[in-house]
């Protein structure tokens, strides 16, 4: 039997040189974000703080994953009105999801709130107001800034009063004054008048990975 002191030295050495398991690799704030007051909505370990389709999303290696056979609507447990919501995501080819903002529960976020599209470019035969980043049915987004399937993207959705902006990979693709826009899909969108509501991911049968989900209330 090794002496206890020798075993202690061995264990200390292993702790120093072995890479530590980091289950929150996909849940980080930059020093600047911490200074600005951003907080994590997902800590890389579980779905604490979220409600709805908690069986349609799983945590894998510190990432939030919308299951291909699952998905559904996963919402925050807290309502938000004015905010900067940031997240990173990676799509499979032709993937389809969305972000519900200022939405009540128990209804279709695309109408009773607003849905910001998450849609891969390989998803064909769509209207301009369905392209990635668009306010579904209302405001088409600029295209050409989404990274190919399998690569990470960074996005910010900012709501400040009646202005909504969407920034994808550093490019502003939507800048909308909600008092000056009108639905273009032929449907009523009473959610455009919502002042606050829940934020949610809206899965539609595609595997999508999310990380670094954070928010700052404005």
C-alpha atoms as a PDB file:
ATOM      1  CA  UNK A   1       0.000   0.000   0.000  1.00  0.00           C
ATOM      2  CA  UNK A   2       1.351   3.425  -0.929  1.00  0.00           C
ATOM      3  CA  UNK A   3       1.850   5.831   1.953  1.00  0.00           C
ATOM      4  CA  UNK A   4      -0.973   8.355   2.285  1.00  0.00           C
ATOM      5  CA  UNK A   5       1.379  11.260   1.622  1.00  0.00           C
ATOM      6  CA  UNK A   6       2.454   9.736  -1.714  1.00  0.00           C
ATOM      7  CA  UNK A   7      -1.156   9.144  -2.769  1.00  0.00           C
ATOM      8  CA  UNK A   8      -1.934  12.755  -1.928  1.00  0.00           C
ATOM      9  CA  UNK A   9       0.886  14.017  -4.130  1.00  0.00           C
ATOM     10  CA  UNK A  10      -0.282  11.817  -7.023  1.00  0.00           C
ATOM     11  CA  UNK A  11      -3.863  13.073  -6.756  1.00  0.00           C
ATOM     12  CA  UNK A  12      -2.686  16.684  -6.587  1.00  0.00           C
ATOM     13  CA  UNK A  13      -0.574  16.169  -9.699  1.00  0.00           C
ATOM     14  CA  UNK A  14      -3.512  14.655 -11.607  1.00  0.00           C
ATOM     15  CA  UNK A  15      -5.756  17.548 -10.619  1.00  0.00           C
ATOM     16  CA  UNK A  16      -3.186  20.039 -11.907  1.00  0.00           C
ATOM     17  CA  UNK A  17      -2.428  18.446 -15.290  1.00  0.00           C
ATOM     18  CA  UNK A  18      -5.691  16.735 -16.243  1.00  0.00           C
ATOM     19  CA  UNK A  19      -8.253  18.888 -18.052  1.00  0.00           C
ATOM     20  CA  UNK A  20     -11.188  19.585 -15.786  1.00  0.00           C
ATOM     21  CA  UNK A  21     -14.600  18.457 -16.935  1.00  0.00           C
ATOM     22  CA  UNK A  22     -16.465  21.628 -17.808  1.00  0.00           C
ATOM     23  CA  UNK A  23     -20.210  21.017 -18.199  1.00  0.00           C
ATOM     24  CA  UNK A  24     -20.866  24.723 -18.695  1.00  0.00           C
ATOM     25  CA  UNK A  25     -18.663  25.195 -21.747  1.00  0.00           C
ATOM     26  CA  UNK A  26     -21.708  26.390 -23.632  1.00  0.00           C
ATOM     27  CA  UNK A  27     -22.774  28.832 -20.931  1.00  0.00           C
ATOM     28  CA  UNK A  28     -20.390  31.734 -20.595  1.00  0.00           C
ATOM     29  CA  UNK A  29     -20.450  35.498 -20.285  1.00  0.00           C
ATOM     30  CA  UNK A  30     -17.624  37.654 -21.559  1.00  0.00           C
ATOM     31  CA  UNK A  31     -16.053  40.036 -19.023  1.00  0.00           C
ATOM     32  CA  UNK A  32     -17.633  42.918 -20.939  1.00  0.00           C
ATOM     33  CA  UNK A  33     -21.076  41.306 -20.750  1.00  0.00           C
ATOM     34  CA  UNK A  34     -20.706  40.759 -17.022  1.00  0.00           C
ATOM     35  CA  UNK A  35     -19.797  44.430 -16.675  1.00  0.00           C
ATOM     36  CA  UNK A  36     -22.833  45.454 -18.746  1.00  0.00           C
ATOM     37  CA  UNK A  37     -25.223  43.390 -16.640  1.00  0.00           C
ATOM     38  CA  UNK A  38     -25.956  40.388 -18.839  1.00  0.00           C
ATOM     39  CA  UNK A  39     -27.013  37.197 -17.068  1.00  0.00           C
ATOM     40  CA  UNK A  40     -27.143  33.602 -18.250  1.00  0.00           C
ATOM     41  CA  UNK A  41     -30.526  32.064 -19.012  1.00  0.00           C
ATOM     42  CA  UNK A  42     -28.967  28.620 -19.458  1.00  0.00           C
ATOM     43  CA  UNK A  43     -26.185  27.332 -17.214  1.00  0.00           C
ATOM     44  CA  UNK A  44     -25.166  24.342 -19.297  1.00  0.00           C
ATOM     45  CA  UNK A  45     -26.306  21.734 -16.778  1.00  0.00           C
ATOM     46  CA  UNK A  46     -30.098  21.510 -16.873  1.00  0.00           C
ATOM     47  CA  UNK A  47     -33.221  23.368 -17.988  1.00  0.00           C
ATOM     48  CA  UNK A  48     -33.775  25.123 -14.692  1.00  0.00           C
ATOM     49  CA  UNK A  49     -35.508  28.421 -15.370  1.00  0.00           C
ATOM     50  CA  UNK A  50     -37.340  27.106 -18.435  1.00  0.00           C
ATOM     51  CA  UNK A  51     -40.876  25.775 -18.896  1.00  0.00           C
ATOM     52  CA  UNK A  52     -42.975  24.140 -21.561  1.00  0.00           C
ATOM     53  CA  UNK A  53     -41.483  21.374 -23.705  1.00  0.00           C
ATOM     54  CA  UNK A  54     -38.744  20.404 -21.267  1.00  0.00           C
ATOM     55  CA  UNK A  55     -38.745  16.875 -22.720  1.00  0.00           C
ATOM     56  CA  UNK A  56     -38.259  18.139 -26.278  1.00  0.00           C
ATOM     57  CA  UNK A  57     -34.925  19.737 -25.389  1.00  0.00           C
ATOM     58  CA  UNK A  58     -31.929  18.095 -23.744  1.00  0.00           C
ATOM     59  CA  UNK A  59     -28.563  19.164 -22.375  1.00  0.00           C
ATOM     60  CA  UNK A  60     -25.588  17.605 -24.162  1.00  0.00           C
ATOM     61  CA  UNK A  61     -22.000  18.521 -23.311  1.00  0.00           C
ATOM     62  CA  UNK A  62     -23.073  21.863 -21.903  1.00  0.00           C
ATOM     63  CA  UNK A  63     -25.280  22.713 -24.900  1.00  0.00           C
ATOM     64  CA  UNK A  64     -29.039  23.086 -25.079  1.00  0.00           C
ATOM     65  CA  UNK A  65     -30.225  20.839 -27.893  1.00  0.00           C
ATOM     66  CA  UNK A  66     -33.589  20.876 -29.604  1.00  0.00           C
ATOM     67  CA  UNK A  67     -34.225  17.231 -30.408  1.00  0.00           C
ATOM     68  CA  UNK A  68     -35.079  16.283 -33.966  1.00  0.00           C
ATOM     69  CA  UNK A  69     -37.817  14.020 -32.645  1.00  0.00           C
ATOM     70  CA  UNK A  70     -39.053  16.391 -29.992  1.00  0.00           C
ATOM     71  CA  UNK A  71     -38.632  20.141 -29.999  1.00  0.00           C
ATOM     72  CA  UNK A  72     -41.783  22.070 -29.302  1.00  0.00           C
ATOM     73  CA  UNK A  73     -41.939  25.353 -27.437  1.00  0.00           C
ATOM     74  CA  UNK A  74     -39.558  25.975 -24.548  1.00  0.00           C
ATOM     75  CA  UNK A  75     -40.076  29.262 -22.708  1.00  0.00           C
ATOM     76  CA  UNK A  76     -38.379  31.206 -19.961  1.00  0.00           C
ATOM     77  CA  UNK A  77     -40.165  31.194 -16.618  1.00  0.00           C
ATOM     78  CA  UNK A  78     -39.817  34.961 -16.458  1.00  0.00           C
ATOM     79  CA  UNK A  79     -41.425  37.591 -18.674  1.00  0.00           C
ATOM     80  CA  UNK A  80     -39.349  40.232 -20.427  1.00  0.00           C
ATOM     81  CA  UNK A  81     -40.311  43.521 -22.034  1.00  0.00           C
ATOM     82  CA  UNK A  82     -37.228  45.512 -23.044  1.00  0.00           C
ATOM     83  CA  UNK A  83     -34.105  43.425 -23.398  1.00  0.00           C
ATOM     84  CA  UNK A  84     -31.039  42.384 -25.353  1.00  0.00           C
ATOM     85  CA  UNK A  85     -31.229  38.607 -25.856  1.00  0.00           C
ATOM     86  CA  UNK A  86     -28.082  36.928 -27.140  1.00  0.00           C
ATOM     87  CA  UNK A  87     -27.438  33.342 -28.104  1.00  0.00           C
ATOM     88  CA  UNK A  88     -25.343  31.167 -30.401  1.00  0.00           C
ATOM     89  CA  UNK A  89     -26.790  28.381 -32.510  1.00  0.00           C
ATOM     90  CA  UNK A  90     -25.782  25.674 -34.963  1.00  0.00           C
ATOM     91  CA  UNK A  91     -28.199  24.286 -37.532  1.00  0.00           C
ATOM     92  CA  UNK A  92     -28.524  21.058 -39.425  1.00  0.00           C
ATOM     93  CA  UNK A  93     -29.374  21.380 -43.148  1.00  0.00           C
ATOM     94  CA  UNK A  94     -32.889  22.789 -43.715  1.00  0.00           C
ATOM     95  CA  UNK A  95     -33.392  23.276 -39.980  1.00  0.00           C
ATOM     96  CA  UNK A  96     -36.419  25.203 -38.754  1.00  0.00           C
ATOM     97  CA  UNK A  97     -36.924  26.821 -35.363  1.00  0.00           C
ATOM     98  CA  UNK A  98     -37.751  30.251 -34.017  1.00  0.00           C
ATOM     99  CA  UNK A  99     -37.520  32.620 -31.070  1.00  0.00           C
ATOM    100  CA  UNK A 100     -40.767  33.764 -29.517  1.00  0.00           C
ATOM    101  CA  UNK A 101     -40.539  37.187 -27.887  1.00  0.00           C
ATOM    102  CA  UNK A 102     -43.018  39.136 -25.775  1.00  0.00           C
ATOM    103  CA  UNK A 103     -45.373  36.195 -26.089  1.00  0.00           C
ATOM    104  CA  UNK A 104     -48.028  34.891 -23.686  1.00  0.00           C
ATOM    105  CA  UNK A 105     -48.283  31.183 -22.985  1.00  0.00           C
ATOM    106  CA  UNK A 106     -50.856  28.908 -24.545  1.00  0.00           C
ATOM    107  CA  UNK A 107     -51.024  30.507 -27.988  1.00  0.00           C
ATOM    108  CA  UNK A 108     -49.116  30.720 -31.264  1.00  0.00           C
ATOM    109  CA  UNK A 109     -46.134  33.044 -30.644  1.00  0.00           C
ATOM    110  CA  UNK A 110     -46.010  34.088 -34.295  1.00  0.00           C
ATOM    111  CA  UNK A 111     -49.324  35.904 -33.804  1.00  0.00           C
ATOM    112  CA  UNK A 112     -49.987  36.487 -30.097  1.00  0.00           C
ATOM    113  CA  UNK A 113     -46.376  37.603 -29.635  1.00  0.00           C
ATOM    114  CA  UNK A 114     -43.637  37.827 -32.241  1.00  0.00           C
ATOM    115  CA  UNK A 115     -41.568  35.036 -33.752  1.00  0.00           C
ATOM    116  CA  UNK A 116     -38.053  35.741 -34.952  1.00  0.00           C
ATOM    117  CA  UNK A 117     -37.274  33.091 -37.516  1.00  0.00           C
ATOM    118  CA  UNK A 118     -34.467  30.542 -37.172  1.00  0.00           C
ATOM    119  CA  UNK A 119     -34.227  28.912 -40.581  1.00  0.00           C
ATOM    120  CA  UNK A 120     -31.393  27.368 -42.557  1.00  0.00           C
ATOM    121  CA  UNK A 121     -30.866  28.593 -46.106  1.00  0.00           C
ATOM    122  CA  UNK A 122     -31.494  25.075 -47.463  1.00  0.00           C
ATOM    123  CA  UNK A 123     -35.127  25.379 -46.372  1.00  0.00           C
ATOM    124  CA  UNK A 124     -36.656  26.110 -49.772  1.00  0.00           C
ATOM    125  CA  UNK A 125     -39.765  27.760 -51.207  1.00  0.00           C
ATOM    126  CA  UNK A 126     -40.260  30.396 -48.526  1.00  0.00           C
ATOM    127  CA  UNK A 127     -41.593  33.919 -48.505  1.00  0.00           C
ATOM    128  CA  UNK A 128     -39.162  36.790 -47.746  1.00  0.00           C
ATOM    129  CA  UNK A 129     -40.829  37.257 -44.322  1.00  0.00           C
ATOM    130  CA  UNK A 130     -39.932  33.644 -43.467  1.00  0.00           C
ATOM    131  CA  UNK A 131     -36.178  34.007 -43.987  1.00  0.00           C
ATOM    132  CA  UNK A 132     -33.867  33.679 -41.015  1.00  0.00           C
ATOM    133  CA  UNK A 133     -34.113  36.610 -38.613  1.00  0.00           C
ATOM    134  CA  UNK A 134     -37.419  37.907 -39.992  1.00  0.00           C
ATOM    135  CA  UNK A 135     -40.274  38.910 -37.733  1.00  0.00           C
ATOM    136  CA  UNK A 136     -42.495  36.149 -39.036  1.00  0.00           C
ATOM    137  CA  UNK A 137     -45.245  37.429 -41.275  1.00  0.00           C
ATOM    138  CA  UNK A 138     -44.339  41.063 -40.688  1.00  0.00           C
ATOM    139  CA  UNK A 139     -40.763  42.190 -41.425  1.00  0.00           C
ATOM    140  CA  UNK A 140     -38.412  40.393 -43.862  1.00  0.00           C
ATOM    141  CA  UNK A 141     -34.778  40.173 -42.789  1.00  0.00           C
ATOM    142  CA  UNK A 142     -31.745  40.906 -44.910  1.00  0.00           C
ATOM    143  CA  UNK A 143     -30.227  37.663 -46.121  1.00  0.00           C
ATOM    144  CA  UNK A 144     -26.727  36.442 -46.836  1.00  0.00           C
ATOM    145  CA  UNK A 145     -25.282  36.560 -43.317  1.00  0.00           C
ATOM    146  CA  UNK A 146     -26.178  33.112 -41.976  1.00  0.00           C
ATOM    147  CA  UNK A 147     -23.269  30.683 -41.710  1.00  0.00           C
ATOM    148  CA  UNK A 148     -23.633  27.303 -43.434  1.00  0.00           C
ATOM    149  CA  UNK A 149     -25.226  24.390 -41.606  1.00  0.00           C
ATOM    150  CA  UNK A 150     -22.843  22.857 -39.089  1.00  0.00           C
ATOM    151  CA  UNK A 151     -21.187  26.173 -38.205  1.00  0.00           C
ATOM    152  CA  UNK A 152     -21.935  28.355 -35.201  1.00  0.00           C
ATOM    153  CA  UNK A 153     -23.825  31.617 -35.539  1.00  0.00           C
ATOM    154  CA  UNK A 154     -24.150  34.478 -33.068  1.00  0.00           C
ATOM    155  CA  UNK A 155     -27.360  36.484 -32.762  1.00  0.00           C
ATOM    156  CA  UNK A 156     -28.805  39.314 -30.720  1.00  0.00           C
ATOM    157  CA  UNK A 157     -32.500  40.204 -30.568  1.00  0.00           C
ATOM    158  CA  UNK A 158     -33.042  43.607 -28.995  1.00  0.00           C
ATOM    159  CA  UNK A 159     -36.418  44.993 -27.964  1.00  0.00           C
ATOM    160  CA  UNK A 160     -36.513  48.580 -26.756  1.00  0.00           C
ATOM    161  CA  UNK A 161     -39.975  50.047 -26.623  1.00  0.00           C
ATOM    162  CA  UNK A 162     -41.427  49.850 -30.113  1.00  0.00           C
ATOM    163  CA  UNK A 163     -38.117  49.110 -31.829  1.00  0.00           C
ATOM    164  CA  UNK A 164     -36.933  45.580 -32.569  1.00  0.00           C
ATOM    165  CA  UNK A 165     -33.505  44.855 -34.036  1.00  0.00           C
ATOM    166  CA  UNK A 166     -31.949  41.548 -34.986  1.00  0.00           C
ATOM    167  CA  UNK A 167     -28.191  41.297 -35.400  1.00  0.00           C
ATOM    168  CA  UNK A 168     -26.736  38.154 -36.970  1.00  0.00           C
ATOM    169  CA  UNK A 169     -22.991  37.511 -36.929  1.00  0.00           C
ATOM    170  CA  UNK A 170     -22.371  41.220 -36.444  1.00  0.00           C
ATOM    171  CA  UNK A 171     -24.766  42.427 -39.176  1.00  0.00           C
ATOM    172  CA  UNK A 172     -28.076  44.156 -38.429  1.00  0.00           C
ATOM    173  CA  UNK A 173     -30.609  42.230 -40.526  1.00  0.00           C
ATOM    174  CA  UNK A 174     -33.810  43.673 -39.017  1.00  0.00           C
ATOM    175  CA  UNK A 175     -34.388  47.186 -37.690  1.00  0.00           C
ATOM    176  CA  UNK A 176     -38.112  47.694 -37.234  1.00  0.00           C
ATOM    177  CA  UNK A 177     -40.319  50.360 -35.710  1.00  0.00           C
ATOM    178  CA  UNK A 178     -43.398  48.371 -34.696  1.00  0.00           C
ATOM    179  CA  UNK A 179     -45.568  51.469 -35.066  1.00  0.00           C
ATOM    180  CA  UNK A 180     -44.665  51.688 -38.744  1.00  0.00           C
ATOM    181  CA  UNK A 181     -44.871  48.064 -39.898  1.00  0.00           C
ATOM    182  CA  UNK A 182     -47.848  46.066 -41.091  1.00  0.00           C
ATOM    183  CA  UNK A 183     -48.300  42.306 -41.431  1.00  0.00           C
ATOM    184  CA  UNK A 184     -47.639  41.066 -44.955  1.00  0.00           C
ATOM    185  CA  UNK A 185     -48.798  37.456 -44.573  1.00  0.00           C
ATOM    186  CA  UNK A 186     -52.528  38.170 -44.593  1.00  0.00           C
ATOM    187  CA  UNK A 187     -53.008  37.420 -40.882  1.00  0.00           C
ATOM    188  CA  UNK A 188     -53.670  39.531 -37.828  1.00  0.00           C
ATOM    189  CA  UNK A 189     -50.680  39.964 -35.529  1.00  0.00           C
ATOM    190  CA  UNK A 190     -52.024  41.357 -32.240  1.00  0.00           C
ATOM    191  CA  UNK A 191     -48.719  40.395 -30.615  1.00  0.00           C
ATOM    192  CA  UNK A 192     -47.101  43.436 -32.202  1.00  0.00           C
ATOM    193  CA  UNK A 193     -48.791  45.432 -29.440  1.00  0.00           C
ATOM    194  CA  UNK A 194     -47.459  43.250 -26.615  1.00  0.00           C
ATOM    195  CA  UNK A 195     -45.263  45.168 -24.187  1.00  0.00           C
ATOM    196  CA  UNK A 196     -43.835  42.103 -22.475  1.00  0.00           C
ATOM    197  CA  UNK A 197     -44.041  38.335 -22.430  1.00  0.00           C
ATOM    198  CA  UNK A 198     -41.985  35.168 -22.385  1.00  0.00           C
ATOM    199  CA  UNK A 199     -38.998  34.327 -24.572  1.00  0.00           C
ATOM    200  CA  UNK A 200     -38.945  30.873 -26.090  1.00  0.00           C
ATOM    201  CA  UNK A 201     -37.356  28.552 -28.614  1.00  0.00           C
ATOM    202  CA  UNK A 202     -39.914  27.167 -31.058  1.00  0.00           C
ATOM    203  CA  UNK A 203     -38.773  23.796 -32.405  1.00  0.00           C
ATOM    204  CA  UNK A 204     -40.202  22.374 -35.615  1.00  0.00           C
ATOM    205  CA  UNK A 205     -38.691  18.902 -35.944  1.00  0.00           C
ATOM    206  CA  UNK A 206     -35.054  19.855 -36.491  1.00  0.00           C
ATOM    207  CA  UNK A 207     -31.960  19.276 -34.378  1.00  0.00           C
ATOM    208  CA  UNK A 208     -30.487  22.617 -33.364  1.00  0.00           C
ATOM    209  CA  UNK A 209     -27.762  23.268 -30.804  1.00  0.00           C
ATOM    210  CA  UNK A 210     -27.762  26.393 -28.645  1.00  0.00           C
ATOM    211  CA  UNK A 211     -25.122  27.826 -26.334  1.00  0.00           C
ATOM    212  CA  UNK A 212     -24.251  31.019 -24.444  1.00  0.00           C
ATOM    213  CA  UNK A 213     -27.878  32.029 -23.976  1.00  0.00           C
ATOM    214  CA  UNK A 214     -27.887  35.303 -22.076  1.00  0.00           C
ATOM    215  CA  UNK A 215     -29.970  38.410 -21.558  1.00  0.00           C
ATOM    216  CA  UNK A 216     -29.802  41.948 -20.315  1.00  0.00           C
ATOM    217  CA  UNK A 217     -32.946  43.804 -19.311  1.00  0.00           C
ATOM    218  CA  UNK A 218     -33.061  47.344 -20.665  1.00  0.00           C
END
